[in-house]
N, C-alpha and C. Protein backbone atom coordinates (compact mmCIF):
# COMPACT_ATOMS: atom_id res chain seq x y z
N MET A 1 0.84 -1.19 0.00
CA MET A 1 0.00 0.00 0.00
C MET A 1 0.88 1.25 0.00
N ASP A 2 0.45 2.26 -0.69
CA ASP A 2 1.15 3.54 -0.68
C ASP A 2 0.96 4.20 0.67
N ILE A 3 2.01 4.90 1.13
CA ILE A 3 1.91 5.60 2.40
C ILE A 3 2.32 7.06 2.23
N LEU A 4 2.01 7.83 3.26
CA LEU A 4 2.32 9.25 3.31
C LEU A 4 3.13 9.49 4.58
N VAL A 5 4.24 10.21 4.46
CA VAL A 5 5.08 10.55 5.60
C VAL A 5 5.39 12.05 5.54
N THR A 6 5.89 12.58 6.64
CA THR A 6 6.25 13.99 6.71
C THR A 6 7.75 14.15 6.84
N THR A 7 8.31 15.13 6.13
CA THR A 7 9.69 15.53 6.37
C THR A 7 9.65 16.61 7.44
N PRO A 8 10.23 16.36 8.62
CA PRO A 8 10.20 17.38 9.67
C PRO A 8 10.87 18.67 9.19
N LYS A 9 10.37 19.81 9.66
CA LYS A 9 10.94 21.10 9.26
C LYS A 9 12.43 21.16 9.52
N SER A 10 12.86 20.55 10.62
CA SER A 10 14.29 20.58 10.97
C SER A 10 15.14 19.77 10.01
N GLU A 11 14.50 18.89 9.21
CA GLU A 11 15.24 18.03 8.29
C GLU A 11 15.08 18.44 6.82
N HIS A 12 14.43 19.56 6.56
CA HIS A 12 14.15 19.98 5.19
C HIS A 12 15.44 20.12 4.36
N GLU A 13 16.41 20.84 4.87
CA GLU A 13 17.65 21.05 4.12
C GLU A 13 18.43 19.75 3.95
N THR A 14 18.44 18.92 5.00
CA THR A 14 19.13 17.62 4.91
C THR A 14 18.48 16.76 3.83
N ALA A 15 17.16 16.75 3.78
CA ALA A 15 16.45 15.96 2.77
C ALA A 15 16.80 16.44 1.36
N LYS A 16 16.91 17.73 1.21
CA LYS A 16 17.27 18.31 -0.09
C LYS A 16 18.67 17.85 -0.51
N GLU A 17 19.61 17.90 0.43
CA GLU A 17 20.99 17.47 0.14
C GLU A 17 21.04 15.99 -0.21
N GLU A 18 20.29 15.18 0.53
CA GLU A 18 20.26 13.74 0.25
C GLU A 18 19.69 13.47 -1.14
N ALA A 19 18.64 14.18 -1.51
CA ALA A 19 18.04 14.00 -2.84
C ALA A 19 19.04 14.33 -3.94
N GLU A 20 19.80 15.40 -3.76
CA GLU A 20 20.80 15.77 -4.75
C GLU A 20 21.89 14.70 -4.85
N ALA A 21 22.29 14.14 -3.71
CA ALA A 21 23.31 13.09 -3.71
C ALA A 21 22.82 11.84 -4.45
N VAL A 22 21.57 11.47 -4.24
CA VAL A 22 21.02 10.29 -4.88
C VAL A 22 20.93 10.48 -6.39
N THR A 23 20.54 11.67 -6.83
CA THR A 23 20.42 11.89 -8.28
C THR A 23 21.78 11.87 -8.97
N SER A 24 22.85 12.15 -8.24
CA SER A 24 24.17 12.15 -8.86
C SER A 24 24.87 10.79 -8.79
N ASP A 25 24.33 9.84 -8.03
CA ASP A 25 24.94 8.52 -7.88
C ASP A 25 23.87 7.45 -8.04
N PRO A 26 23.85 6.74 -9.17
CA PRO A 26 22.79 5.76 -9.43
C PRO A 26 22.78 4.59 -8.45
N ASN A 27 23.86 4.36 -7.72
CA ASN A 27 23.90 3.27 -6.73
C ASN A 27 23.44 3.72 -5.35
N SER A 28 23.18 5.00 -5.21
CA SER A 28 22.78 5.55 -3.93
C SER A 28 21.26 5.43 -3.75
N PHE A 29 20.79 5.63 -2.53
CA PHE A 29 19.36 5.60 -2.25
C PHE A 29 19.10 6.39 -0.98
N TRP A 30 17.83 6.72 -0.77
CA TRP A 30 17.42 7.28 0.51
C TRP A 30 16.41 6.31 1.09
N PHE A 31 16.09 6.50 2.36
CA PHE A 31 15.15 5.58 2.99
C PHE A 31 14.32 6.31 4.03
N ARG A 32 13.21 5.72 4.36
CA ARG A 32 12.38 6.19 5.46
C ARG A 32 12.21 5.01 6.40
N THR A 33 12.47 5.24 7.68
CA THR A 33 12.33 4.19 8.68
C THR A 33 10.99 4.34 9.38
N ILE A 34 10.27 3.23 9.45
CA ILE A 34 8.96 3.18 10.07
C ILE A 34 9.02 2.19 11.23
N ARG A 35 8.40 2.55 12.34
CA ARG A 35 8.30 1.59 13.44
C ARG A 35 7.28 0.52 13.07
N GLY A 36 7.54 -0.69 13.50
CA GLY A 36 6.61 -1.78 13.20
C GLY A 36 6.78 -2.27 11.78
N ARG A 37 5.75 -2.95 11.27
CA ARG A 37 5.79 -3.54 9.94
C ARG A 37 4.62 -3.02 9.11
N PRO A 38 4.78 -1.89 8.45
CA PRO A 38 3.68 -1.37 7.63
C PRO A 38 3.40 -2.29 6.45
N ASN A 39 2.19 -2.23 5.95
CA ASN A 39 1.80 -3.04 4.80
C ASN A 39 2.26 -2.34 3.52
N VAL A 40 3.57 -2.40 3.29
CA VAL A 40 4.19 -1.77 2.12
C VAL A 40 5.01 -2.83 1.41
N ARG A 41 4.95 -2.82 0.09
CA ARG A 41 5.71 -3.78 -0.73
C ARG A 41 6.62 -3.03 -1.70
N VAL A 42 7.56 -3.76 -2.25
CA VAL A 42 8.41 -3.22 -3.30
C VAL A 42 7.50 -2.75 -4.43
N GLY A 43 7.76 -1.54 -4.94
CA GLY A 43 6.95 -0.95 -6.00
C GLY A 43 5.91 0.03 -5.49
N ASP A 44 5.62 -0.02 -4.18
CA ASP A 44 4.68 0.94 -3.60
C ASP A 44 5.34 2.31 -3.51
N ARG A 45 4.52 3.33 -3.28
CA ARG A 45 5.00 4.71 -3.24
C ARG A 45 5.01 5.24 -1.80
N VAL A 46 6.02 6.06 -1.52
CA VAL A 46 6.09 6.78 -0.26
C VAL A 46 5.96 8.26 -0.62
N TYR A 47 4.80 8.84 -0.34
CA TYR A 47 4.55 10.26 -0.60
C TYR A 47 5.11 11.07 0.56
N TYR A 48 5.66 12.24 0.25
CA TYR A 48 6.29 13.08 1.27
C TYR A 48 5.58 14.42 1.41
N VAL A 49 5.22 14.75 2.66
CA VAL A 49 4.73 16.09 2.98
C VAL A 49 5.96 16.90 3.36
N ASP A 50 6.18 18.01 2.68
CA ASP A 50 7.33 18.87 2.95
C ASP A 50 6.84 20.32 2.93
N GLU A 51 7.01 20.99 4.05
CA GLU A 51 6.58 22.38 4.19
C GLU A 51 5.10 22.56 3.83
N GLY A 52 4.26 21.65 4.35
CA GLY A 52 2.81 21.77 4.18
C GLY A 52 2.24 21.33 2.85
N MET A 53 3.06 20.69 2.00
CA MET A 53 2.60 20.25 0.69
C MET A 53 3.12 18.85 0.39
N ILE A 54 2.26 18.03 -0.22
CA ILE A 54 2.74 16.76 -0.78
C ILE A 54 3.31 17.12 -2.14
N ARG A 55 4.61 16.95 -2.30
CA ARG A 55 5.29 17.41 -3.52
C ARG A 55 5.67 16.29 -4.48
N GLY A 56 5.75 15.07 -3.96
CA GLY A 56 6.13 13.96 -4.81
C GLY A 56 6.25 12.68 -4.01
N TYR A 57 6.79 11.66 -4.67
CA TYR A 57 6.92 10.37 -4.00
C TYR A 57 8.15 9.62 -4.49
N GLY A 58 8.62 8.73 -3.62
CA GLY A 58 9.67 7.79 -3.97
C GLY A 58 9.05 6.42 -4.16
N ILE A 59 9.68 5.61 -5.00
CA ILE A 59 9.20 4.26 -5.26
C ILE A 59 10.09 3.27 -4.52
N VAL A 60 9.49 2.44 -3.69
CA VAL A 60 10.24 1.49 -2.86
C VAL A 60 10.85 0.41 -3.74
N PHE A 61 12.18 0.23 -3.62
CA PHE A 61 12.84 -0.84 -4.38
C PHE A 61 13.34 -1.96 -3.46
N ASP A 62 13.39 -1.70 -2.15
CA ASP A 62 13.84 -2.72 -1.22
C ASP A 62 13.31 -2.38 0.17
N ILE A 63 13.06 -3.41 0.95
CA ILE A 63 12.59 -3.23 2.32
C ILE A 63 13.50 -4.05 3.22
N GLU A 64 14.04 -3.40 4.23
CA GLU A 64 14.94 -4.06 5.18
C GLU A 64 14.39 -3.86 6.58
N VAL A 65 14.35 -4.93 7.35
CA VAL A 65 13.82 -4.85 8.72
C VAL A 65 14.97 -5.11 9.69
N GLY A 66 15.04 -4.29 10.72
CA GLY A 66 16.08 -4.47 11.74
C GLY A 66 16.90 -3.21 11.92
N ASP A 67 18.16 -3.38 12.25
CA ASP A 67 19.07 -2.26 12.45
C ASP A 67 19.79 -1.95 11.14
N MET A 68 19.90 -0.67 10.81
CA MET A 68 20.61 -0.27 9.60
C MET A 68 21.52 0.92 9.91
N TRP A 69 22.77 0.82 9.51
CA TRP A 69 23.73 1.89 9.72
C TRP A 69 23.59 2.93 8.62
N ASP A 70 23.51 4.18 8.99
CA ASP A 70 23.39 5.31 8.07
C ASP A 70 24.73 6.04 8.06
N GLU A 71 25.52 5.80 7.02
CA GLU A 71 26.85 6.41 6.93
C GLU A 71 26.78 7.93 6.88
N ALA A 72 25.82 8.46 6.16
CA ALA A 72 25.73 9.92 5.99
C ALA A 72 25.52 10.64 7.32
N HIS A 73 24.75 10.02 8.22
CA HIS A 73 24.45 10.66 9.50
C HIS A 73 25.16 10.01 10.68
N GLU A 74 25.93 8.97 10.37
CA GLU A 74 26.69 8.23 11.38
C GLU A 74 25.83 7.84 12.57
N ARG A 75 24.75 7.11 12.26
CA ARG A 75 23.87 6.63 13.31
C ARG A 75 23.14 5.37 12.86
N TRP A 76 22.62 4.64 13.83
CA TRP A 76 21.82 3.46 13.57
C TRP A 76 20.35 3.83 13.54
N TRP A 77 19.61 3.20 12.64
CA TRP A 77 18.16 3.33 12.58
C TRP A 77 17.58 1.95 12.85
N LYS A 78 16.52 1.90 13.64
CA LYS A 78 15.85 0.63 13.98
C LYS A 78 14.42 0.66 13.47
N GLY A 79 14.01 -0.40 12.80
CA GLY A 79 12.64 -0.47 12.31
C GLY A 79 12.58 -1.09 10.94
N THR A 80 11.57 -0.71 10.17
CA THR A 80 11.40 -1.15 8.79
C THR A 80 11.88 -0.03 7.89
N HIS A 81 12.87 -0.32 7.06
CA HIS A 81 13.50 0.70 6.22
C HIS A 81 12.99 0.55 4.78
N LEU A 82 12.32 1.57 4.31
CA LEU A 82 11.76 1.57 2.95
C LEU A 82 12.75 2.31 2.05
N LYS A 83 13.54 1.56 1.29
CA LYS A 83 14.58 2.14 0.45
C LYS A 83 14.01 2.60 -0.88
N GLN A 84 14.43 3.80 -1.30
CA GLN A 84 13.94 4.41 -2.54
C GLN A 84 15.09 5.07 -3.28
N ARG A 85 15.03 5.09 -4.59
CA ARG A 85 16.02 5.84 -5.37
C ARG A 85 15.40 6.55 -6.57
N GLU A 86 14.15 6.22 -6.86
CA GLU A 86 13.46 6.89 -7.97
C GLU A 86 12.44 7.87 -7.39
N TRP A 87 12.54 9.14 -7.82
CA TRP A 87 11.66 10.20 -7.33
C TRP A 87 10.75 10.67 -8.45
N VAL A 88 9.47 10.91 -8.11
CA VAL A 88 8.50 11.43 -9.06
C VAL A 88 7.87 12.68 -8.46
N TRP A 89 7.99 13.82 -9.15
CA TRP A 89 7.35 15.06 -8.70
C TRP A 89 5.88 15.03 -9.09
N LEU A 90 5.04 15.54 -8.22
CA LEU A 90 3.63 15.70 -8.58
C LEU A 90 3.50 16.90 -9.51
N LYS A 91 2.60 16.81 -10.48
CA LYS A 91 2.38 17.95 -11.39
C LYS A 91 1.82 19.14 -10.63
N LYS A 92 0.99 18.84 -9.64
CA LYS A 92 0.40 19.90 -8.82
C LYS A 92 0.50 19.47 -7.36
N PRO A 93 1.35 20.15 -6.56
CA PRO A 93 1.46 19.79 -5.14
C PRO A 93 0.10 19.88 -4.44
N VAL A 94 -0.07 19.04 -3.44
CA VAL A 94 -1.33 18.95 -2.69
C VAL A 94 -1.11 19.45 -1.26
N PRO A 95 -1.85 20.46 -0.82
CA PRO A 95 -1.70 20.93 0.57
C PRO A 95 -2.06 19.82 1.56
N PHE A 96 -1.24 19.69 2.58
CA PHE A 96 -1.49 18.67 3.61
C PHE A 96 -0.69 19.03 4.85
N CYS A 97 -1.35 19.02 6.00
CA CYS A 97 -0.67 19.34 7.25
C CYS A 97 0.26 18.20 7.66
N GLY A 98 1.40 18.56 8.24
CA GLY A 98 2.34 17.56 8.71
C GLY A 98 1.79 16.77 9.89
N PHE A 99 2.41 15.64 10.18
CA PHE A 99 1.98 14.75 11.25
C PHE A 99 3.16 13.85 11.60
N GLN A 100 3.04 13.08 12.65
CA GLN A 100 4.07 12.12 13.02
C GLN A 100 3.66 10.73 12.55
N GLY A 101 4.63 9.90 12.29
CA GLY A 101 4.36 8.53 11.86
C GLY A 101 4.08 8.47 10.37
N PHE A 102 3.14 7.62 9.99
CA PHE A 102 2.77 7.50 8.58
C PHE A 102 1.28 7.28 8.47
N ARG A 103 0.77 7.51 7.28
CA ARG A 103 -0.65 7.26 6.98
C ARG A 103 -0.72 6.44 5.69
N TYR A 104 -1.68 5.53 5.63
CA TYR A 104 -1.94 4.84 4.37
C TYR A 104 -2.74 5.78 3.49
N VAL A 105 -2.29 5.97 2.26
CA VAL A 105 -2.95 6.90 1.34
C VAL A 105 -4.42 6.51 1.17
N ASP A 106 -4.71 5.21 1.06
CA ASP A 106 -6.09 4.74 0.88
C ASP A 106 -7.01 5.13 2.03
N LYS A 107 -6.46 5.33 3.21
CA LYS A 107 -7.28 5.57 4.40
C LYS A 107 -7.57 7.06 4.65
N VAL A 108 -6.90 7.95 3.89
CA VAL A 108 -7.13 9.38 4.05
C VAL A 108 -8.20 9.79 3.05
N LEU A 109 -9.35 10.15 3.56
CA LEU A 109 -10.51 10.45 2.74
C LEU A 109 -10.21 11.48 1.65
N GLY A 110 -10.44 11.11 0.40
CA GLY A 110 -10.28 12.01 -0.74
C GLY A 110 -8.86 12.21 -1.23
N LEU A 111 -7.88 11.61 -0.55
CA LEU A 111 -6.48 11.88 -0.93
C LEU A 111 -6.10 11.25 -2.27
N LYS A 112 -6.56 10.03 -2.53
CA LYS A 112 -6.23 9.39 -3.81
C LYS A 112 -6.67 10.26 -4.99
N GLU A 113 -7.84 10.84 -4.88
CA GLU A 113 -8.35 11.69 -5.96
C GLU A 113 -7.47 12.93 -6.13
N LYS A 114 -7.09 13.55 -5.01
CA LYS A 114 -6.25 14.75 -5.07
C LYS A 114 -4.88 14.44 -5.67
N LEU A 115 -4.38 13.22 -5.43
CA LEU A 115 -3.08 12.82 -5.96
C LEU A 115 -3.17 12.31 -7.40
N GLY A 116 -4.38 12.13 -7.88
CA GLY A 116 -4.57 11.65 -9.26
C GLY A 116 -4.39 10.15 -9.41
N ILE A 117 -4.57 9.40 -8.31
CA ILE A 117 -4.45 7.95 -8.35
C ILE A 117 -5.80 7.38 -8.79
N THR A 118 -5.79 6.62 -9.87
CA THR A 118 -7.05 6.12 -10.42
C THR A 118 -7.29 4.64 -10.12
N CYS A 119 -6.29 3.91 -9.68
CA CYS A 119 -6.53 2.46 -9.44
C CYS A 119 -6.73 2.18 -7.97
């Protein structure tokens, strides 16, 4: 299932730098760590709320559960890691208030229509 996550305001610039690094290195990727085991599969989308707008999504290419070392930030992350390297910008950003955790896109009333998801 597609999910929606928020980029915290304090991480906005870091997220931008990471995105630039991934676009310049085809072997690189970014990830979002979720507590627990969300119902997400390879090929699903992770939509990002950034500064009050859903601007685009990453496509999950791998899922890793457990501890993962993050070289860029020199820290361990624990949980379910949704790895992405392909980014798709929305043609029209969708206003959405930030939140903690994640939301299933299907469960947010009217969101699929706003994102232009037809299936």
